Amino acid sequence: MSQRRSSMDSFGAVADAAGSSTTDPKGSINLRIETQTRRLIDDAAAILGKTRTEFMVESARREAIDVLLDRRLFVLGAEDYDAFVDALDNPPAPGAKLRSLLRRVPAWER
């Protein structure tokens, strides 16, 4: 759990900062890729004036942020937002199935 929290904290800091912290230790990632893919990456990196590593790290970092934001952030229009807040403020009354579920003894307590 602490490792996951650390990753999420790092993501938050990364989202707020322009670059990575200079105090973070660096690690390595080894990849096996097809020659054509490597050439494609090298060509794209060269066009941008970057090294292969810079290009790959920036691309992977950008994609990772997009994936995480896609899971954590959603945008609603005014009407949908009001309906969402109303649903949170006024949840439906518990039904029979929920009441039954809450009365059950959890498997780890049996």
PDB file of N, CA and C in Angstrom:
ATOM      1  N   MET A   1       0.825  -1.187   0.000  1.00  0.00           N
ATOM      2  CA  MET A   1       0.000   0.000   0.000  1.00  0.00           C
ATOM      3  C   MET A   1       0.867   1.247   0.000  1.00  0.00           C
ATOM      4  N   SER A   2       1.943   1.260   0.812  1.00  0.00           N
ATOM      5  CA  SER A   2       2.782   2.450   0.865  1.00  0.00           C
ATOM      6  C   SER A   2       3.465   2.693  -0.471  1.00  0.00           C
ATOM      7  N   GLN A   3       3.833   1.612  -1.186  1.00  0.00           N
ATOM      8  CA  GLN A   3       4.449   1.804  -2.492  1.00  0.00           C
ATOM      9  C   GLN A   3       3.458   2.440  -3.457  1.00  0.00           C
ATOM     10  N   ARG A   4       2.213   2.021  -3.447  1.00  0.00           N
ATOM     11  CA  ARG A   4       1.204   2.599  -4.319  1.00  0.00           C
ATOM     12  C   ARG A   4       0.966   4.067  -3.949  1.00  0.00           C
ATOM     13  N   ARG A   5       0.870   4.359  -2.666  1.00  0.00           N
ATOM     14  CA  ARG A   5       0.666   5.735  -2.220  1.00  0.00           C
ATOM     15  C   ARG A   5       1.841   6.591  -2.676  1.00  0.00           C
ATOM     16  N   SER A   6       3.049   6.045  -2.567  1.00  0.00           N
ATOM     17  CA  SER A   6       4.234   6.776  -2.997  1.00  0.00           C
ATOM     18  C   SER A   6       4.156   7.091  -4.480  1.00  0.00           C
ATOM     19  N   SER A   7       3.702   6.148  -5.279  1.00  0.00           N
ATOM     20  CA  SER A   7       3.564   6.377  -6.715  1.00  0.00           C
ATOM     21  C   SER A   7       2.548   7.466  -6.988  1.00  0.00           C
ATOM     22  N   MET A   8       1.441   7.444  -6.261  1.00  0.00           N
ATOM     23  CA  MET A   8       0.413   8.442  -6.484  1.00  0.00           C
ATOM     24  C   MET A   8       0.906   9.811  -6.037  1.00  0.00           C
ATOM     25  N   ASP A   9       1.672   9.863  -4.913  1.00  0.00           N
ATOM     26  CA  ASP A   9       2.228  11.130  -4.465  1.00  0.00           C
ATOM     27  C   ASP A   9       3.201  11.660  -5.507  1.00  0.00           C
ATOM     28  N   SER A  10       4.012  10.772  -6.057  1.00  0.00           N
ATOM     29  CA  SER A  10       4.953  11.182  -7.092  1.00  0.00           C
ATOM     30  C   SER A  10       4.208  11.710  -8.301  1.00  0.00           C
ATOM     31  N   PHE A  11       3.116  11.066  -8.650  1.00  0.00           N
ATOM     32  CA  PHE A  11       2.336  11.536  -9.791  1.00  0.00           C
ATOM     33  C   PHE A  11       1.818  12.931  -9.542  1.00  0.00           C
ATOM     34  N   GLY A  12       1.332  13.175  -8.329  1.00  0.00           N
ATOM     35  CA  GLY A  12       0.836  14.499  -8.006  1.00  0.00           C
ATOM     36  C   GLY A  12       1.930  15.540  -8.121  1.00  0.00           C
ATOM     37  N   ALA A  13       3.108  15.226  -7.602  1.00  0.00           N
ATOM     38  CA  ALA A  13       4.220  16.163  -7.686  1.00  0.00           C
ATOM     39  C   ALA A  13       4.651  16.356  -9.134  1.00  0.00           C
ATOM     40  N   VAL A  14       4.649  15.274  -9.894  1.00  0.00           N
ATOM     41  CA  VAL A  14       5.041  15.359 -11.303  1.00  0.00           C
ATOM     42  C   VAL A  14       4.055  16.209 -12.080  1.00  0.00           C
ATOM     43  N   ALA A  15       2.774  16.080 -11.763  1.00  0.00           N
ATOM     44  CA  ALA A  15       1.772  16.846 -12.486  1.00  0.00           C
ATOM     45  C   ALA A  15       1.913  18.334 -12.229  1.00  0.00           C
ATOM     46  N   ASP A  16       2.437  18.690 -11.048  1.00  0.00           N
ATOM     47  CA  ASP A  16       2.577  20.097 -10.696  1.00  0.00           C
ATOM     48  C   ASP A  16       3.907  20.686 -11.154  1.00  0.00           C
ATOM     49  N   ALA A  17       4.883  19.842 -11.370  1.00  0.00           N
ATOM     50  CA  ALA A  17       6.213  20.336 -11.696  1.00  0.00           C
ATOM     51  C   ALA A  17       6.503  20.166 -13.179  1.00  0.00           C
ATOM     52  N   ALA A  18       7.418  20.979 -13.671  1.00  0.00           N
ATOM     53  CA  ALA A  18       7.781  20.910 -15.092  1.00  0.00           C
ATOM     54  C   ALA A  18       8.663  19.714 -15.377  1.00  0.00           C
ATOM     55  N   GLY A  19       9.463  19.284 -14.421  1.00  0.00           N
ATOM     56  CA  GLY A  19      10.370  18.168 -14.660  1.00  0.00           C
ATOM     57  C   GLY A  19      10.506  17.315 -13.433  1.00  0.00           C
ATOM     58  N   SER A  20      11.378  16.301 -13.515  1.00  0.00           N
ATOM     59  CA  SER A  20      11.558  15.421 -12.373  1.00  0.00           C
ATOM     60  C   SER A  20      12.522  16.053 -11.379  1.00  0.00           C
ATOM     61  N   SER A  21      12.448  15.597 -10.170  1.00  0.00           N
ATOM     62  CA  SER A  21      13.297  16.132  -9.122  1.00  0.00           C
ATOM     63  C   SER A  21      14.720  15.645  -9.314  1.00  0.00           C
ATOM     64  N   THR A  22      15.690  16.505  -9.038  1.00  0.00           N
ATOM     65  CA  THR A  22      17.089  16.116  -9.185  1.00  0.00           C
ATOM     66  C   THR A  22      17.548  15.260  -8.017  1.00  0.00           C
ATOM     67  N   THR A  23      16.769  15.185  -6.935  1.00  0.00           N
ATOM     68  CA  THR A  23      17.152  14.379  -5.787  1.00  0.00           C
ATOM     69  C   THR A  23      16.694  12.932  -5.926  1.00  0.00           C
ATOM     70  N   ASP A  24      15.847  12.628  -6.894  1.00  0.00           N
ATOM     71  CA  ASP A  24      15.368  11.264  -7.087  1.00  0.00           C
ATOM     72  C   ASP A  24      16.482  10.400  -7.667  1.00  0.00           C
ATOM     73  N   PRO A  25      16.688   9.220  -7.077  1.00  0.00           N
ATOM     74  CA  PRO A  25      17.681   8.319  -7.668  1.00  0.00           C
ATOM     75  C   PRO A  25      17.178   7.819  -9.024  1.00  0.00           C
ATOM     76  N   LYS A  26      18.101   7.577  -9.921  1.00  0.00           N
ATOM     77  CA  LYS A  26      17.713   7.101 -11.249  1.00  0.00           C
ATOM     78  C   LYS A  26      17.898   5.600 -11.331  1.00  0.00           C
ATOM     79  N   GLY A  27      16.988   4.968 -12.055  1.00  0.00           N
ATOM     80  CA  GLY A  27      17.065   3.536 -12.293  1.00  0.00           C
ATOM     81  C   GLY A  27      17.124   3.308 -13.785  1.00  0.00           C
ATOM     82  N   SER A  28      17.053   2.070 -14.165  1.00  0.00           N
ATOM     83  CA  SER A  28      17.081   1.769 -15.593  1.00  0.00           C
ATOM     84  C   SER A  28      15.938   0.827 -15.947  1.00  0.00           C
ATOM     85  N   ILE A  29      15.550   0.903 -17.208  1.00  0.00           N
ATOM     86  CA  ILE A  29      14.541   0.009 -17.758  1.00  0.00           C
ATOM     87  C   ILE A  29      15.139  -0.565 -19.036  1.00  0.00           C
ATOM     88  N   ASN A  30      15.183  -1.868 -19.124  1.00  0.00           N
ATOM     89  CA  ASN A  30      15.714  -2.515 -20.325  1.00  0.00           C
ATOM     90  C   ASN A  30      14.558  -3.002 -21.169  1.00  0.00           C
ATOM     91  N   LEU A  31      14.584  -2.681 -22.448  1.00  0.00           N
ATOM     92  CA  LEU A  31      13.512  -3.068 -23.360  1.00  0.00           C
ATOM     93  C   LEU A  31      14.071  -3.846 -24.537  1.00  0.00           C
ATOM     94  N   ARG A  32      13.322  -4.808 -24.973  1.00  0.00           N
ATOM     95  CA  ARG A  32      13.648  -5.513 -26.214  1.00  0.00           C
ATOM     96  C   ARG A  32      12.588  -5.101 -27.225  1.00  0.00           C
ATOM     97  N   ILE A  33      13.025  -4.442 -28.294  1.00  0.00           N
ATOM     98  CA  ILE A  33      12.082  -3.973 -29.303  1.00  0.00           C
ATOM     99  C   ILE A  33      12.591  -4.346 -30.688  1.00  0.00           C
ATOM    100  N   GLU A  34      11.655  -4.407 -31.618  1.00  0.00           N
ATOM    101  CA  GLU A  34      12.011  -4.733 -32.995  1.00  0.00           C
ATOM    102  C   GLU A  34      12.846  -3.610 -33.594  1.00  0.00           C
ATOM    103  N   THR A  35      13.690  -3.961 -34.536  1.00  0.00           N
ATOM    104  CA  THR A  35      14.573  -2.998 -35.192  1.00  0.00           C
ATOM    105  C   THR A  35      13.786  -1.857 -35.821  1.00  0.00           C
ATOM    106  N   GLN A  36      12.684  -2.172 -36.472  1.00  0.00           N
ATOM    107  CA  GLN A  36      11.871  -1.129 -37.110  1.00  0.00           C
ATOM    108  C   GLN A  36      11.333  -0.137 -36.082  1.00  0.00           C
ATOM    109  N   THR A  37      10.897  -0.644 -34.951  1.00  0.00           N
ATOM    110  CA  THR A  37      10.375   0.224 -33.898  1.00  0.00           C
ATOM    111  C   THR A  37      11.485   1.114 -33.349  1.00  0.00           C
ATOM    112  N   ARG A  38      12.659   0.542 -33.164  1.00  0.00           N
ATOM    113  CA  ARG A  38      13.799   1.329 -32.672  1.00  0.00           C
ATOM    114  C   ARG A  38      14.154   2.438 -33.660  1.00  0.00           C
ATOM    115  N   ARG A  39      14.159   2.118 -34.938  1.00  0.00           N
ATOM    116  CA  ARG A  39      14.458   3.143 -35.958  1.00  0.00           C
ATOM    117  C   ARG A  39      13.392   4.240 -35.938  1.00  0.00           C
ATOM    118  N   LEU A  40      12.142   3.860 -35.807  1.00  0.00           N
ATOM    119  CA  LEU A  40      11.045   4.827 -35.757  1.00  0.00           C
ATOM    120  C   LEU A  40      11.225   5.776 -34.573  1.00  0.00           C
ATOM    121  N   ILE A  41      11.544   5.222 -33.422  1.00  0.00           N
ATOM    122  CA  ILE A  41      11.770   6.034 -32.225  1.00  0.00           C
ATOM    123  C   ILE A  41      12.979   6.940 -32.419  1.00  0.00           C
ATOM    124  N   ASP A  42      14.054   6.402 -32.958  1.00  0.00           N
ATOM    125  CA  ASP A  42      15.260   7.201 -33.200  1.00  0.00           C
ATOM    126  C   ASP A  42      14.986   8.344 -34.171  1.00  0.00           C
ATOM    127  N   ASP A  43      14.232   8.063 -35.221  1.00  0.00           N
ATOM    128  CA  ASP A  43      13.908   9.110 -36.198  1.00  0.00           C
ATOM    129  C   ASP A  43      13.077  10.219 -35.564  1.00  0.00           C
ATOM    130  N   ALA A  44      12.082   9.842 -34.791  1.00  0.00           N
ATOM    131  CA  ALA A  44      11.232  10.832 -34.123  1.00  0.00           C
ATOM    132  C   ALA A  44      12.043  11.645 -33.121  1.00  0.00           C
ATOM    133  N   ALA A  45      12.899  10.976 -32.356  1.00  0.00           N
ATOM    134  CA  ALA A  45      13.737  11.678 -31.378  1.00  0.00           C
ATOM    135  C   ALA A  45      14.667  12.660 -32.080  1.00  0.00           C
ATOM    136  N   ALA A  46      15.255  12.236 -33.186  1.00  0.00           N
ATOM    137  CA  ALA A  46      16.176  13.103 -33.923  1.00  0.00           C
ATOM    138  C   ALA A  46      15.471  14.349 -34.448  1.00  0.00           C
ATOM    139  N   ILE A  47      14.262  14.179 -34.938  1.00  0.00           N
ATOM    140  CA  ILE A  47      13.498  15.329 -35.444  1.00  0.00           C
ATOM    141  C   ILE A  47      13.273  16.349 -34.327  1.00  0.00           C
ATOM    142  N   LEU A  48      13.066  15.868 -33.116  1.00  0.00           N
ATOM    143  CA  LEU A  48      12.835  16.763 -31.976  1.00  0.00           C
ATOM    144  C   LEU A  48      14.127  17.210 -31.300  1.00  0.00           C
ATOM    145  N   GLY A  49      15.259  16.719 -31.785  1.00  0.00           N
ATOM    146  CA  GLY A  49      16.549  17.081 -31.184  1.00  0.00           C
ATOM    147  C   GLY A  49      16.760  16.454 -29.824  1.00  0.00           C
ATOM    148  N   LYS A  50      16.223  15.257 -29.633  1.00  0.00           N
ATOM    149  CA  LYS A  50      16.336  14.572 -28.350  1.00  0.00           C
ATOM    150  C   LYS A  50      17.062  13.252 -28.531  1.00  0.00           C
ATOM    151  N   THR A  51      17.558  12.736 -27.417  1.00  0.00           N
ATOM    152  CA  THR A  51      18.121  11.393 -27.453  1.00  0.00           C
ATOM    153  C   THR A  51      16.980  10.387 -27.427  1.00  0.00           C
ATOM    154  N   ARG A  52      17.292   9.159 -27.743  1.00  0.00           N
ATOM    155  CA  ARG A  52      16.282   8.103 -27.683  1.00  0.00           C
ATOM    156  C   ARG A  52      15.719   8.003 -26.265  1.00  0.00           C
ATOM    157  N   THR A  53      16.591   8.048 -25.276  1.00  0.00           N
ATOM    158  CA  THR A  53      16.146   7.948 -23.884  1.00  0.00           C
ATOM    159  C   THR A  53      15.218   9.101 -23.520  1.00  0.00           C
ATOM    160  N   GLU A  54      15.616  10.323 -23.833  1.00  0.00           N
ATOM    161  CA  GLU A  54      14.762  11.480 -23.540  1.00  0.00           C
ATOM    162  C   GLU A  54      13.401  11.328 -24.192  1.00  0.00           C
ATOM    163  N   PHE A  55      13.404  10.943 -25.462  1.00  0.00           N
ATOM    164  CA  PHE A  55      12.147  10.786 -26.198  1.00  0.00           C
ATOM    165  C   PHE A  55      11.264   9.721 -25.562  1.00  0.00           C
ATOM    166  N   MET A  56      11.856   8.568 -25.252  1.00  0.00           N
ATOM    167  CA  MET A  56      11.071   7.468 -24.698  1.00  0.00           C
ATOM    168  C   MET A  56      10.555   7.788 -23.299  1.00  0.00           C
ATOM    169  N   VAL A  57      11.391   8.396 -22.462  1.00  0.00           N
ATOM    170  CA  VAL A  57      10.965   8.722 -21.107  1.00  0.00           C
ATOM    171  C   VAL A  57       9.850   9.761 -21.144  1.00  0.00           C
ATOM    172  N   GLU A  58      10.019  10.819 -21.939  1.00  0.00           N
ATOM    173  CA  GLU A  58       8.988  11.850 -22.027  1.00  0.00           C
ATOM    174  C   GLU A  58       7.683  11.294 -22.587  1.00  0.00           C
ATOM    175  N   SER A  59       7.779  10.440 -23.605  1.00  0.00           N
ATOM    176  CA  SER A  59       6.573   9.849 -24.192  1.00  0.00           C
ATOM    177  C   SER A  59       5.868   8.932 -23.201  1.00  0.00           C
ATOM    178  N   ALA A  60       6.633   8.090 -22.523  1.00  0.00           N
ATOM    179  CA  ALA A  60       6.047   7.162 -21.551  1.00  0.00           C
ATOM    180  C   ALA A  60       5.462   7.932 -20.366  1.00  0.00           C
ATOM    181  N   ARG A  61       6.155   8.968 -19.911  1.00  0.00           N
ATOM    182  CA  ARG A  61       5.678   9.779 -18.794  1.00  0.00           C
ATOM    183  C   ARG A  61       4.366  10.477 -19.154  1.00  0.00           C
ATOM    184  N   ARG A  62       4.311  11.062 -20.336  1.00  0.00           N
ATOM    185  CA  ARG A  62       3.097  11.746 -20.793  1.00  0.00           C
ATOM    186  C   ARG A  62       1.927  10.766 -20.871  1.00  0.00           C
ATOM    187  N   GLU A  63       2.173   9.584 -21.409  1.00  0.00           N
ATOM    188  CA  GLU A  63       1.117   8.571 -21.510  1.00  0.00           C
ATOM    189  C   GLU A  63       0.672   8.100 -20.134  1.00  0.00           C
ATOM    190  N   ALA A  64       1.624   7.920 -19.219  1.00  0.00           N
ATOM    191  CA  ALA A  64       1.284   7.484 -17.857  1.00  0.00           C
ATOM    192  C   ALA A  64       0.402   8.514 -17.169  1.00  0.00           C
ATOM    193  N   ILE A  65       0.735   9.777 -17.308  1.00  0.00           N
ATOM    194  CA  ILE A  65      -0.081  10.838 -16.705  1.00  0.00           C
ATOM    195  C   ILE A  65      -1.480  10.828 -17.305  1.00  0.00           C
ATOM    196  N   ASP A  66      -1.578  10.673 -18.628  1.00  0.00           N
ATOM    197  CA  ASP A  66      -2.893  10.620 -19.275  1.00  0.00           C
ATOM    198  C   ASP A  66      -3.732   9.455 -18.744  1.00  0.00           C
ATOM    199  N   VAL A  67      -3.109   8.300 -18.608  1.00  0.00           N
ATOM    200  CA  VAL A  67      -3.832   7.123 -18.115  1.00  0.00           C
ATOM    201  C   VAL A  67      -4.318   7.360 -16.691  1.00  0.00           C
ATOM    202  N   LEU A  68      -3.446   7.890 -15.830  1.00  0.00           N
ATOM    203  CA  LEU A  68      -3.837   8.134 -14.442  1.00  0.00           C
ATOM    204  C   LEU A  68      -4.905   9.211 -14.338  1.00  0.00           C
ATOM    205  N   LEU A  69      -4.775  10.271 -15.101  1.00  0.00           N
ATOM    206  CA  LEU A  69      -5.798  11.315 -15.068  1.00  0.00           C
ATOM    207  C   LEU A  69      -7.126  10.807 -15.603  1.00  0.00           C
ATOM    208  N   ASP A  70      -7.062   9.927 -16.575  1.00  0.00           N
ATOM    209  CA  ASP A  70      -8.284   9.367 -17.143  1.00  0.00           C
ATOM    210  C   ASP A  70      -9.058   8.585 -16.090  1.00  0.00           C
ATOM    211  N   ARG A  71      -8.354   8.048 -15.125  1.00  0.00           N
ATOM    212  CA  ARG A  71      -8.999   7.282 -14.049  1.00  0.00           C
ATOM    213  C   ARG A  71      -9.388   8.147 -12.863  1.00  0.00           C
ATOM    214  N   ARG A  72      -8.822   9.358 -12.754  1.00  0.00           N
ATOM    215  CA  ARG A  72      -9.027  10.177 -11.571  1.00  0.00           C
ATOM    216  C   ARG A  72      -9.807  11.458 -11.828  1.00  0.00           C
ATOM    217  N   LEU A  73      -9.900  11.882 -13.051  1.00  0.00           N
ATOM    218  CA  LEU A  73     -10.497  13.173 -13.350  1.00  0.00           C
ATOM    219  C   LEU A  73     -11.595  13.002 -14.379  1.00  0.00           C
ATOM    220  N   PHE A  74     -12.736  13.589 -14.123  1.00  0.00           N
ATOM    221  CA  PHE A  74     -13.780  13.613 -15.134  1.00  0.00           C
ATOM    222  C   PHE A  74     -14.434  14.983 -15.092  1.00  0.00           C
ATOM    223  N   VAL A  75     -14.907  15.410 -16.240  1.00  0.00           N
ATOM    224  CA  VAL A  75     -15.469  16.746 -16.372  1.00  0.00           C
ATOM    225  C   VAL A  75     -16.934  16.627 -16.740  1.00  0.00           C
ATOM    226  N   LEU A  76     -17.762  17.419 -16.072  1.00  0.00           N
ATOM    227  CA  LEU A  76     -19.198  17.403 -16.331  1.00  0.00           C
ATOM    228  C   LEU A  76     -19.664  18.808 -16.693  1.00  0.00           C
ATOM    229  N   GLY A  77     -20.678  18.857 -17.517  1.00  0.00           N
ATOM    230  CA  GLY A  77     -21.337  20.125 -17.779  1.00  0.00           C
ATOM    231  C   GLY A  77     -22.124  20.544 -16.546  1.00  0.00           C
ATOM    232  N   ALA A  78     -22.622  21.770 -16.540  1.00  0.00           N
ATOM    233  CA  ALA A  78     -23.316  22.314 -15.367  1.00  0.00           C
ATOM    234  C   ALA A  78     -24.501  21.451 -14.941  1.00  0.00           C
ATOM    235  N   GLU A  79     -25.316  21.044 -15.897  1.00  0.00           N
ATOM    236  CA  GLU A  79     -26.511  20.259 -15.572  1.00  0.00           C
ATOM    237  C   GLU A  79     -26.141  18.883 -15.017  1.00  0.00           C
ATOM    238  N   ASP A  80     -25.176  18.217 -15.667  1.00  0.00           N
ATOM    239  CA  ASP A  80     -24.733  16.902 -15.194  1.00  0.00           C
ATOM    240  C   ASP A  80     -24.056  17.011 -13.830  1.00  0.00           C
ATOM    241  N   TYR A  81     -23.295  18.082 -13.623  1.00  0.00           N
ATOM    242  CA  TYR A  81     -22.644  18.301 -12.330  1.00  0.00           C
ATOM    243  C   TYR A  81     -23.686  18.437 -11.226  1.00  0.00           C
ATOM    244  N   ASP A  82     -24.716  19.218 -11.479  1.00  0.00           N
ATOM    245  CA  ASP A  82     -25.779  19.390 -10.483  1.00  0.00           C
ATOM    246  C   ASP A  82     -26.452  18.062 -10.156  1.00  0.00           C
ATOM    247  N   ALA A  83     -26.698  17.246 -11.192  1.00  0.00           N
ATOM    248  CA  ALA A  83     -27.318  15.932 -10.974  1.00  0.00           C
ATOM    249  C   ALA A  83     -26.378  15.022 -10.171  1.00  0.00           C
ATOM    250  N   PHE A  84     -25.077  15.092 -10.460  1.00  0.00           N
ATOM    251  CA  PHE A  84     -24.083  14.291  -9.749  1.00  0.00           C
ATOM    252  C   PHE A  84     -24.033  14.680  -8.274  1.00  0.00           C
ATOM    253  N   VAL A  85     -23.956  15.975  -7.995  1.00  0.00           N
ATOM    254  CA  VAL A  85     -23.911  16.459  -6.615  1.00  0.00           C
ATOM    255  C   VAL A  85     -25.205  16.101  -5.892  1.00  0.00           C
ATOM    256  N   ASP A  86     -26.324  16.223  -6.574  1.00  0.00           N
ATOM    257  CA  ASP A  86     -27.603  15.864  -5.965  1.00  0.00           C
ATOM    258  C   ASP A  86     -27.631  14.386  -5.597  1.00  0.00           C
ATOM    259  N   ALA A  87     -27.098  13.540  -6.475  1.00  0.00           N
ATOM    260  CA  ALA A  87     -27.062  12.100  -6.186  1.00  0.00           C
ATOM    261  C   ALA A  87     -26.154  11.810  -4.990  1.00  0.00           C
ATOM    262  N   LEU A  88     -25.057  12.534  -4.864  1.00  0.00           N
ATOM    263  CA  LEU A  88     -24.181  12.349  -3.707  1.00  0.00           C
ATOM    264  C   LEU A  88     -24.835  12.846  -2.418  1.00  0.00           C
ATOM    265  N   ASP A  89     -25.508  13.973  -2.518  1.00  0.00           N
ATOM    266  CA  ASP A  89     -26.143  14.562  -1.330  1.00  0.00           C
ATOM    267  C   ASP A  89     -27.408  13.826  -0.903  1.00  0.00           C
ATOM    268  N   ASN A  90     -28.053  13.149  -1.834  1.00  0.00           N
ATOM    269  CA  ASN A  90     -29.328  12.475  -1.554  1.00  0.00           C
ATOM    270  C   ASN A  90     -29.297  11.038  -2.061  1.00  0.00           C
ATOM    271  N   PRO A  91     -28.478  10.194  -1.434  1.00  0.00           N
ATOM    272  CA  PRO A  91     -28.410   8.804  -1.915  1.00  0.00           C
ATOM    273  C   PRO A  91     -29.742   8.103  -1.701  1.00  0.00           C
ATOM    274  N   PRO A  92     -30.019   7.086  -2.513  1.00  0.00           N
ATOM    275  CA  PRO A  92     -31.271   6.353  -2.326  1.00  0.00           C
ATOM    276  C   PRO A  92     -31.247   5.594  -0.993  1.00  0.00           C
ATOM    277  N   ALA A  93     -32.419   5.323  -0.465  1.00  0.00           N
ATOM    278  CA  ALA A  93     -32.517   4.556   0.778  1.00  0.00           C
ATOM    279  C   ALA A  93     -32.002   3.146   0.526  1.00  0.00           C
ATOM    280  N   PRO A  94     -31.362   2.544   1.530  1.00  0.00           N
ATOM    281  CA  PRO A  94     -30.855   1.184   1.353  1.00  0.00           C
ATOM    282  C   PRO A  94     -31.996   0.218   1.020  1.00  0.00           C
ATOM    283  N   GLY A  95     -31.769  -0.600   0.029  1.00  0.00           N
ATOM    284  CA  GLY A  95     -32.761  -1.598  -0.351  1.00  0.00           C
ATOM    285  C   GLY A  95     -32.564  -2.880   0.430  1.00  0.00           C
ATOM    286  N   ALA A  96     -33.410  -3.847   0.157  1.00  0.00           N
ATOM    287  CA  ALA A  96     -33.357  -5.131   0.876  1.00  0.00           C
ATOM    288  C   ALA A  96     -32.017  -5.839   0.661  1.00  0.00           C
ATOM    289  N   LYS A  97     -31.495  -5.798  -0.567  1.00  0.00           N
ATOM    290  CA  LYS A  97     -30.226  -6.496  -0.847  1.00  0.00           C
ATOM    291  C   LYS A  97     -29.073  -5.867  -0.070  1.00  0.00           C
ATOM    292  N   LEU A  98     -29.025  -4.567   0.010  1.00  0.00           N
ATOM    293  CA  LEU A  98     -27.958  -3.909   0.768  1.00  0.00           C
ATOM    294  C   LEU A  98     -28.070  -4.219   2.249  1.00  0.00           C
ATOM    295  N   ARG A  99     -29.263  -4.157   2.783  1.00  0.00           N
ATOM    296  CA  ARG A  99     -29.449  -4.473   4.204  1.00  0.00           C
ATOM    297  C   ARG A  99     -29.030  -5.912   4.492  1.00  0.00           C
ATOM    298  N   SER A 100     -29.369  -6.823   3.602  1.00  0.00           N
ATOM    299  CA  SER A 100     -28.978  -8.227   3.761  1.00  0.00           C
ATOM    300  C   SER A 100     -27.451  -8.367   3.723  1.00  0.00           C
ATOM    301  N   LEU A 101     -26.822  -7.674   2.798  1.00  0.00           N
ATOM    302  CA  LEU A 101     -25.371  -7.726   2.677  1.00  0.00           C
ATOM    303  C   LEU A 101     -24.698  -7.203   3.945  1.00  0.00           C
ATOM    304  N   LEU A 102     -25.194  -6.122   4.477  1.00  0.00           N
ATOM    305  CA  LEU A 102     -24.594  -5.529   5.668  1.00  0.00           C
ATOM    306  C   LEU A 102     -24.798  -6.378   6.918  1.00  0.00           C
ATOM    307  N   ARG A 103     -25.797  -7.263   6.934  1.00  0.00           N
ATOM    308  CA  ARG A 103     -26.018  -8.149   8.077  1.00  0.00           C
ATOM    309  C   ARG A 103     -25.124  -9.387   8.019  1.00  0.00           C
ATOM    310  N   ARG A 104     -24.562  -9.699   6.874  1.00  0.00           N
ATOM    311  CA  ARG A 104     -23.728 -10.895   6.738  1.00  0.00           C
ATOM    312  C   ARG A 104     -22.438 -10.775   7.532  1.00  0.00           C
ATOM    313  N   VAL A 105     -21.987 -11.910   8.043  1.00  0.00           N
ATOM    314  CA  VAL A 105     -20.693 -11.963   8.714  1.00  0.00           C
ATOM    315  C   VAL A 105     -19.640 -12.114   7.618  1.00  0.00           C
ATOM    316  N   PRO A 106     -18.631 -11.238   7.593  1.00  0.00           N
ATOM    317  CA  PRO A 106     -17.585 -11.346   6.565  1.00  0.00           C
ATOM    318  C   PRO A 106     -16.849 -12.671   6.642  1.00  0.00           C
ATOM    319  N   ALA A 107     -16.370 -13.157   5.512  1.00  0.00           N
ATOM    320  CA  ALA A 107     -15.685 -14.458   5.454  1.00  0.00           C
ATOM    321  C   ALA A 107     -14.470 -14.491   6.379  1.00  0.00           C
ATOM    322  N   TRP A 108     -13.771 -13.370   6.529  1.00  0.00           N
ATOM    323  CA  TRP A 108     -12.567 -13.356   7.363  1.00  0.00           C
ATOM    324  C   TRP A 108     -12.887 -13.379   8.857  1.00  0.00           C
ATOM    325  N   GLU A 109     -14.164 -13.213   9.215  1.00  0.00           N
ATOM    326  CA  GLU A 109     -14.562 -13.289  10.622  1.00  0.00           C
ATOM    327  C   GLU A 109     -15.227 -14.621  10.966  1.00  0.00           C
ATOM    328  N   ARG A 110     -15.379 -15.490  10.019  1.00  0.00           N
ATOM    329  CA  ARG A 110     -16.023 -16.796  10.286  1.00  0.00           C
ATOM    330  C   ARG A 110     -15.067 -17.778  10.874  1.00  0.00           C
TER     331      ARG A 110
END
